[in-house]
Amino acid sequence: MPAPIPIYLGDVVQMRKSHPCGGDTWRVVRVGAEIGIRCLTCERKVFLSRAEFERRIRQFVERGAS
């Protein structure tokens, strides 16, 4: 099993699939067993398991404070 990706509050990530609103960039607002992310286009908040989040992420657009 690969090491978990370090995820910090305030990270901005691009996801593989776009949100129904058309946005594909999200800000991390909660870190733990579940990752809380907020769409930067429509401000909708979604919770994903850490494993699901790591599978769906395409790239980091901006890194938050570590």
PDB file of N, CA and C in Angstrom:
ATOM      1  N   MET A   1       0.847  -1.182   0.000  1.00  0.00           N
ATOM      2  CA  MET A   1       0.000   0.000   0.000  1.00  0.00           C
ATOM      3  C   MET A   1       0.888   1.239   0.000  1.00  0.00           C
ATOM      4  N   PRO A   2       0.639   2.172  -0.938  1.00  0.00           N
ATOM      5  CA  PRO A   2       1.464   3.388  -0.990  1.00  0.00           C
ATOM      6  C   PRO A   2       1.194   4.292   0.209  1.00  0.00           C
ATOM      7  N   ALA A   3       2.161   5.139   0.504  1.00  0.00           N
ATOM      8  CA  ALA A   3       2.013   6.086   1.615  1.00  0.00           C
ATOM      9  C   ALA A   3       0.914   7.092   1.289  1.00  0.00           C
ATOM     10  N   PRO A   4       0.157   7.536   2.300  1.00  0.00           N
ATOM     11  CA  PRO A   4      -0.893   8.524   2.026  1.00  0.00           C
ATOM     12  C   PRO A   4      -0.308   9.855   1.557  1.00  0.00           C
ATOM     13  N   ILE A   5      -1.038  10.537   0.704  1.00  0.00           N
ATOM     14  CA  ILE A   5      -0.636  11.849   0.205  1.00  0.00           C
ATOM     15  C   ILE A   5      -0.839  12.865   1.332  1.00  0.00           C
ATOM     16  N   PRO A   6       0.150  13.706   1.623  1.00  0.00           N
ATOM     17  CA  PRO A   6      -0.069  14.740   2.648  1.00  0.00           C
ATOM     18  C   PRO A   6      -1.099  15.760   2.158  1.00  0.00           C
ATOM     19  N   ILE A   7      -2.151  15.950   2.954  1.00  0.00           N
ATOM     20  CA  ILE A   7      -3.233  16.863   2.606  1.00  0.00           C
ATOM     21  C   ILE A   7      -3.349  17.884   3.730  1.00  0.00           C
ATOM     22  N   TYR A   8      -3.414  19.160   3.384  1.00  0.00           N
ATOM     23  CA  TYR A   8      -3.480  20.236   4.366  1.00  0.00           C
ATOM     24  C   TYR A   8      -4.730  21.076   4.164  1.00  0.00           C
ATOM     25  N   LEU A   9      -5.205  21.683   5.247  1.00  0.00           N
ATOM     26  CA  LEU A   9      -6.323  22.621   5.135  1.00  0.00           C
ATOM     27  C   LEU A   9      -5.930  23.746   4.194  1.00  0.00           C
ATOM     28  N   GLY A  10      -6.825  24.135   3.327  1.00  0.00           N
ATOM     29  CA  GLY A  10      -6.563  25.225   2.404  1.00  0.00           C
ATOM     30  C   GLY A  10      -5.991  24.793   1.068  1.00  0.00           C
ATOM     31  N   ASP A  11      -5.636  23.500   0.919  1.00  0.00           N
ATOM     32  CA  ASP A  11      -5.169  23.017  -0.383  1.00  0.00           C
ATOM     33  C   ASP A  11      -6.261  23.238  -1.420  1.00  0.00           C
ATOM     34  N   VAL A  12      -5.883  23.627  -2.624  1.00  0.00           N
ATOM     35  CA  VAL A  12      -6.814  23.721  -3.747  1.00  0.00           C
ATOM     36  C   VAL A  12      -6.415  22.623  -4.709  1.00  0.00           C
ATOM     37  N   VAL A  13      -7.385  21.760  -5.038  1.00  0.00           N
ATOM     38  CA  VAL A  13      -7.108  20.598  -5.880  1.00  0.00           C
ATOM     39  C   VAL A  13      -8.015  20.593  -7.105  1.00  0.00           C
ATOM     40  N   GLN A  14      -7.520  19.983  -8.159  1.00  0.00           N
ATOM     41  CA  GLN A  14      -8.329  19.757  -9.355  1.00  0.00           C
ATOM     42  C   GLN A  14      -8.701  18.277  -9.346  1.00  0.00           C
ATOM     43  N   MET A  15      -9.998  17.988  -9.501  1.00  0.00           N
ATOM     44  CA  MET A  15     -10.481  16.611  -9.470  1.00  0.00           C
ATOM     45  C   MET A  15     -10.622  16.076 -10.893  1.00  0.00           C
ATOM     46  N   ARG A  16     -10.637  14.752 -11.018  1.00  0.00           N
ATOM     47  CA  ARG A  16     -10.734  14.116 -12.335  1.00  0.00           C
ATOM     48  C   ARG A  16     -12.061  14.414 -13.021  1.00  0.00           C
ATOM     49  N   LYS A  17     -13.151  14.343 -12.271  1.00  0.00           N
ATOM     50  CA  LYS A  17     -14.471  14.631 -12.831  1.00  0.00           C
ATOM     51  C   LYS A  17     -14.909  16.019 -12.383  1.00  0.00           C
ATOM     52  N   SER A  18     -15.625  16.711 -13.253  1.00  0.00           N
ATOM     53  CA  SER A  18     -16.120  18.026 -12.852  1.00  0.00           C
ATOM     54  C   SER A  18     -17.430  17.874 -12.087  1.00  0.00           C
ATOM     55  N   HIS A  19     -17.719  18.865 -11.267  1.00  0.00           N
ATOM     56  CA  HIS A  19     -18.954  18.925 -10.494  1.00  0.00           C
ATOM     57  C   HIS A  19     -20.094  19.258 -11.457  1.00  0.00           C
ATOM     58  N   PRO A  20     -21.349  18.875 -11.142  1.00  0.00           N
ATOM     59  CA  PRO A  20     -22.462  19.226 -12.036  1.00  0.00           C
ATOM     60  C   PRO A  20     -22.569  20.719 -12.360  1.00  0.00           C
ATOM     61  N   CYS A  21     -22.048  21.591 -11.505  1.00  0.00           N
ATOM     62  CA  CYS A  21     -22.081  23.028 -11.785  1.00  0.00           C
ATOM     63  C   CYS A  21     -21.055  23.416 -12.853  1.00  0.00           C
ATOM     64  N   GLY A  22     -20.142  22.515 -13.156  1.00  0.00           N
ATOM     65  CA  GLY A  22     -19.126  22.778 -14.172  1.00  0.00           C
ATOM     66  C   GLY A  22     -17.737  23.011 -13.607  1.00  0.00           C
ATOM     67  N   GLY A  23     -17.629  23.209 -12.303  1.00  0.00           N
ATOM     68  CA  GLY A  23     -16.327  23.461 -11.680  1.00  0.00           C
ATOM     69  C   GLY A  23     -15.576  22.170 -11.415  1.00  0.00           C
ATOM     70  N   ASP A  24     -14.246  22.216 -11.490  1.00  0.00           N
ATOM     71  CA  ASP A  24     -13.444  21.040 -11.164  1.00  0.00           C
ATOM     72  C   ASP A  24     -12.357  21.356 -10.146  1.00  0.00           C
ATOM     73  N   THR A  25     -12.381  22.569  -9.563  1.00  0.00           N
ATOM     74  CA  THR A  25     -11.406  22.930  -8.531  1.00  0.00           C
ATOM     75  C   THR A  25     -12.114  23.028  -7.184  1.00  0.00           C
ATOM     76  N   TRP A  26     -11.472  22.498  -6.173  1.00  0.00           N
ATOM     77  CA  TRP A  26     -12.044  22.385  -4.834  1.00  0.00           C
ATOM     78  C   TRP A  26     -11.024  22.807  -3.794  1.00  0.00           C
ATOM     79  N   ARG A  27     -11.492  23.379  -2.662  1.00  0.00           N
ATOM     80  CA  ARG A  27     -10.633  23.736  -1.534  1.00  0.00           C
ATOM     81  C   ARG A  27     -10.885  22.759  -0.395  1.00  0.00           C
ATOM     82  N   VAL A  28      -9.810  22.260   0.210  1.00  0.00           N
ATOM     83  CA  VAL A  28      -9.921  21.332   1.340  1.00  0.00           C
ATOM     84  C   VAL A  28     -10.304  22.133   2.582  1.00  0.00           C
ATOM     85  N   VAL A  29     -11.433  21.754   3.223  1.00  0.00           N
ATOM     86  CA  VAL A  29     -11.908  22.474   4.409  1.00  0.00           C
ATOM     87  C   VAL A  29     -11.923  21.593   5.652  1.00  0.00           C
ATOM     88  N   ARG A  30     -11.674  20.287   5.499  1.00  0.00           N
ATOM     89  CA  ARG A  30     -11.614  19.384   6.644  1.00  0.00           C
ATOM     90  C   ARG A  30     -10.669  18.245   6.306  1.00  0.00           C
ATOM     91  N   VAL A  31      -9.803  17.878   7.252  1.00  0.00           N
ATOM     92  CA  VAL A  31      -8.862  16.780   7.053  1.00  0.00           C
ATOM     93  C   VAL A  31      -9.025  15.808   8.213  1.00  0.00           C
ATOM     94  N   GLY A  32      -9.118  14.540   7.895  1.00  0.00           N
ATOM     95  CA  GLY A  32      -9.261  13.490   8.895  1.00  0.00           C
ATOM     96  C   GLY A  32      -9.513  12.180   8.167  1.00  0.00           C
ATOM     97  N   ALA A  33     -10.316  11.294   8.770  1.00  0.00           N
ATOM     98  CA  ALA A  33     -10.681  10.053   8.088  1.00  0.00           C
ATOM     99  C   ALA A  33     -11.467  10.385   6.825  1.00  0.00           C
ATOM    100  N   GLU A  34     -12.271  11.445   6.899  1.00  0.00           N
ATOM    101  CA  GLU A  34     -12.968  11.957   5.728  1.00  0.00           C
ATOM    102  C   GLU A  34     -12.363  13.311   5.375  1.00  0.00           C
ATOM    103  N   ILE A  35     -12.318  13.597   4.083  1.00  0.00           N
ATOM    104  CA  ILE A  35     -11.806  14.870   3.605  1.00  0.00           C
ATOM    105  C   ILE A  35     -12.998  15.718   3.175  1.00  0.00           C
ATOM    106  N   GLY A  36     -13.126  16.911   3.731  1.00  0.00           N
ATOM    107  CA  GLY A  36     -14.187  17.835   3.340  1.00  0.00           C
ATOM    108  C   GLY A  36     -13.647  18.785   2.297  1.00  0.00           C
ATOM    109  N   ILE A  37     -14.345  18.892   1.172  1.00  0.00           N
ATOM    110  CA  ILE A  37     -13.919  19.796   0.109  1.00  0.00           C
ATOM    111  C   ILE A  37     -15.086  20.690  -0.292  1.00  0.00           C
ATOM    112  N   ARG A  38     -14.762  21.919  -0.711  1.00  0.00           N
ATOM    113  CA  ARG A  38     -15.781  22.891  -1.112  1.00  0.00           C
ATOM    114  C   ARG A  38     -15.495  23.326  -2.545  1.00  0.00           C
ATOM    115  N   CYS A  39     -16.516  23.229  -3.398  1.00  0.00           N
ATOM    116  CA  CYS A  39     -16.398  23.624  -4.801  1.00  0.00           C
ATOM    117  C   CYS A  39     -16.138  25.133  -4.867  1.00  0.00           C
ATOM    118  N   LEU A  40     -15.159  25.542  -5.644  1.00  0.00           N
ATOM    119  CA  LEU A  40     -14.828  26.961  -5.760  1.00  0.00           C
ATOM    120  C   LEU A  40     -15.763  27.692  -6.719  1.00  0.00           C
ATOM    121  N   THR A  41     -16.590  26.953  -7.468  1.00  0.00           N
ATOM    122  CA  THR A  41     -17.531  27.586  -8.389  1.00  0.00           C
ATOM    123  C   THR A  41     -18.860  27.871  -7.712  1.00  0.00           C
ATOM    124  N   CYS A  42     -19.434  26.849  -7.025  1.00  0.00           N
ATOM    125  CA  CYS A  42     -20.778  27.013  -6.455  1.00  0.00           C
ATOM    126  C   CYS A  42     -20.808  26.961  -4.927  1.00  0.00           C
ATOM    127  N   GLU A  43     -19.636  26.752  -4.286  1.00  0.00           N
ATOM    128  CA  GLU A  43     -19.520  26.715  -2.821  1.00  0.00           C
ATOM    129  C   GLU A  43     -20.190  25.497  -2.170  1.00  0.00           C
ATOM    130  N   ARG A  44     -20.530  24.464  -2.944  1.00  0.00           N
ATOM    131  CA  ARG A  44     -21.121  23.243  -2.389  1.00  0.00           C
ATOM    132  C   ARG A  44     -20.051  22.472  -1.630  1.00  0.00           C
ATOM    133  N   LYS A  45     -20.425  21.868  -0.490  1.00  0.00           N
ATOM    134  CA  LYS A  45     -19.488  21.129   0.349  1.00  0.00           C
ATOM    135  C   LYS A  45     -19.757  19.630   0.229  1.00  0.00           C
ATOM    136  N   VAL A  46     -18.698  18.839   0.069  1.00  0.00           N
ATOM    137  CA  VAL A  46     -18.806  17.397  -0.112  1.00  0.00           C
ATOM    138  C   VAL A  46     -17.778  16.729   0.796  1.00  0.00           C
ATOM    139  N   PHE A  47     -18.137  15.557   1.334  1.00  0.00           N
ATOM    140  CA  PHE A  47     -17.208  14.765   2.133  1.00  0.00           C
ATOM    141  C   PHE A  47     -16.877  13.484   1.389  1.00  0.00           C
ATOM    142  N   LEU A  48     -15.583  13.155   1.298  1.00  0.00           N
ATOM    143  CA  LEU A  48     -15.117  11.927   0.669  1.00  0.00           C
ATOM    144  C   LEU A  48     -14.192  11.210   1.638  1.00  0.00           C
ATOM    145  N   SER A  49     -14.181   9.877   1.575  1.00  0.00           N
ATOM    146  CA  SER A  49     -13.198   9.144   2.372  1.00  0.00           C
ATOM    147  C   SER A  49     -11.814   9.502   1.822  1.00  0.00           C
ATOM    148  N   ARG A  50     -10.802   9.354   2.652  1.00  0.00           N
ATOM    149  CA  ARG A  50      -9.441   9.698   2.227  1.00  0.00           C
ATOM    150  C   ARG A  50      -9.032   8.881   0.999  1.00  0.00           C
ATOM    151  N   ALA A  51      -9.363   7.592   0.986  1.00  0.00           N
ATOM    152  CA  ALA A  51      -8.999   6.730  -0.152  1.00  0.00           C
ATOM    153  C   ALA A  51      -9.692   7.194  -1.428  1.00  0.00           C
ATOM    154  N   GLU A  52     -10.978   7.529  -1.334  1.00  0.00           N
ATOM    155  CA  GLU A  52     -11.731   8.016  -2.490  1.00  0.00           C
ATOM    156  C   GLU A  52     -11.156   9.348  -2.982  1.00  0.00           C
ATOM    157  N   PHE A  53     -10.834  10.244  -2.057  1.00  0.00           N
ATOM    158  CA  PHE A  53     -10.253  11.539  -2.407  1.00  0.00           C
ATOM    159  C   PHE A  53      -8.939  11.352  -3.166  1.00  0.00           C
ATOM    160  N   GLU A  54      -8.070  10.470  -2.660  1.00  0.00           N
ATOM    161  CA  GLU A  54      -6.769  10.249  -3.294  1.00  0.00           C
ATOM    162  C   GLU A  54      -6.916   9.637  -4.685  1.00  0.00           C
ATOM    163  N   ARG A  55      -7.945   8.831  -4.901  1.00  0.00           N
ATOM    164  CA  ARG A  55      -8.187   8.261  -6.229  1.00  0.00           C
ATOM    165  C   ARG A  55      -8.691   9.311  -7.212  1.00  0.00           C
ATOM    166  N   ARG A  56      -9.527  10.239  -6.739  1.00  0.00           N
ATOM    167  CA  ARG A  56     -10.178  11.212  -7.619  1.00  0.00           C
ATOM    168  C   ARG A  56      -9.349  12.451  -7.928  1.00  0.00           C
ATOM    169  N   ILE A  57      -8.299  12.690  -7.164  1.00  0.00           N
ATOM    170  CA  ILE A  57      -7.527  13.917  -7.344  1.00  0.00           C
ATOM    171  C   ILE A  57      -6.686  13.847  -8.624  1.00  0.00           C
ATOM    172  N   ARG A  58      -6.630  14.944  -9.352  1.00  0.00           N
ATOM    173  CA  ARG A  58      -5.791  15.013 -10.551  1.00  0.00           C
ATOM    174  C   ARG A  58      -4.494  15.731 -10.232  1.00  0.00           C
ATOM    175  N   GLN A  59      -4.595  16.910  -9.609  1.00  0.00           N
ATOM    176  CA  GLN A  59      -3.381  17.668  -9.274  1.00  0.00           C
ATOM    177  C   GLN A  59      -3.690  18.699  -8.189  1.00  0.00           C
ATOM    178  N   PHE A  60      -2.629  19.148  -7.531  1.00  0.00           N
ATOM    179  CA  PHE A  60      -2.734  20.246  -6.581  1.00  0.00           C
ATOM    180  C   PHE A  60      -2.538  21.537  -7.346  1.00  0.00           C
ATOM    181  N   VAL A  61      -3.498  22.452  -7.227  1.00  0.00           N
ATOM    182  CA  VAL A  61      -3.403  23.764  -7.864  1.00  0.00           C
ATOM    183  C   VAL A  61      -2.649  24.714  -6.953  1.00  0.00           C
ATOM    184  N   GLU A  62      -2.910  24.606  -5.648  1.00  0.00           N
ATOM    185  CA  GLU A  62      -2.291  25.489  -4.651  1.00  0.00           C
ATOM    186  C   GLU A  62      -2.196  24.696  -3.346  1.00  0.00           C
ATOM    187  N   ARG A  63      -1.097  24.837  -2.633  1.00  0.00           N
ATOM    188  CA  ARG A  63      -0.925  24.117  -1.371  1.00  0.00           C
ATOM    189  C   ARG A  63      -1.246  25.048  -0.200  1.00  0.00           C
ATOM    190  N   GLY A  64      -1.947  24.490   0.798  1.00  0.00           N
ATOM    191  CA  GLY A  64      -2.246  25.232   2.013  1.00  0.00           C
ATOM    192  C   GLY A  64      -1.058  25.179   2.957  1.00  0.00           C
ATOM    193  N   ALA A  65      -1.189  25.809   4.106  1.00  0.00           N
ATOM    194  CA  ALA A  65      -0.126  25.808   5.110  1.00  0.00           C
ATOM    195  C   ALA A  65      -0.001  24.423   5.726  1.00  0.00           C
ATOM    196  N   SER A  66       1.211  23.941   5.878  1.00  0.00           N
ATOM    197  CA  SER A  66       1.425  22.602   6.440  1.00  0.00           C
ATOM    198  C   SER A  66       1.350  22.607   7.948  1.00  0.00           C
TER     199      SER A  66
END
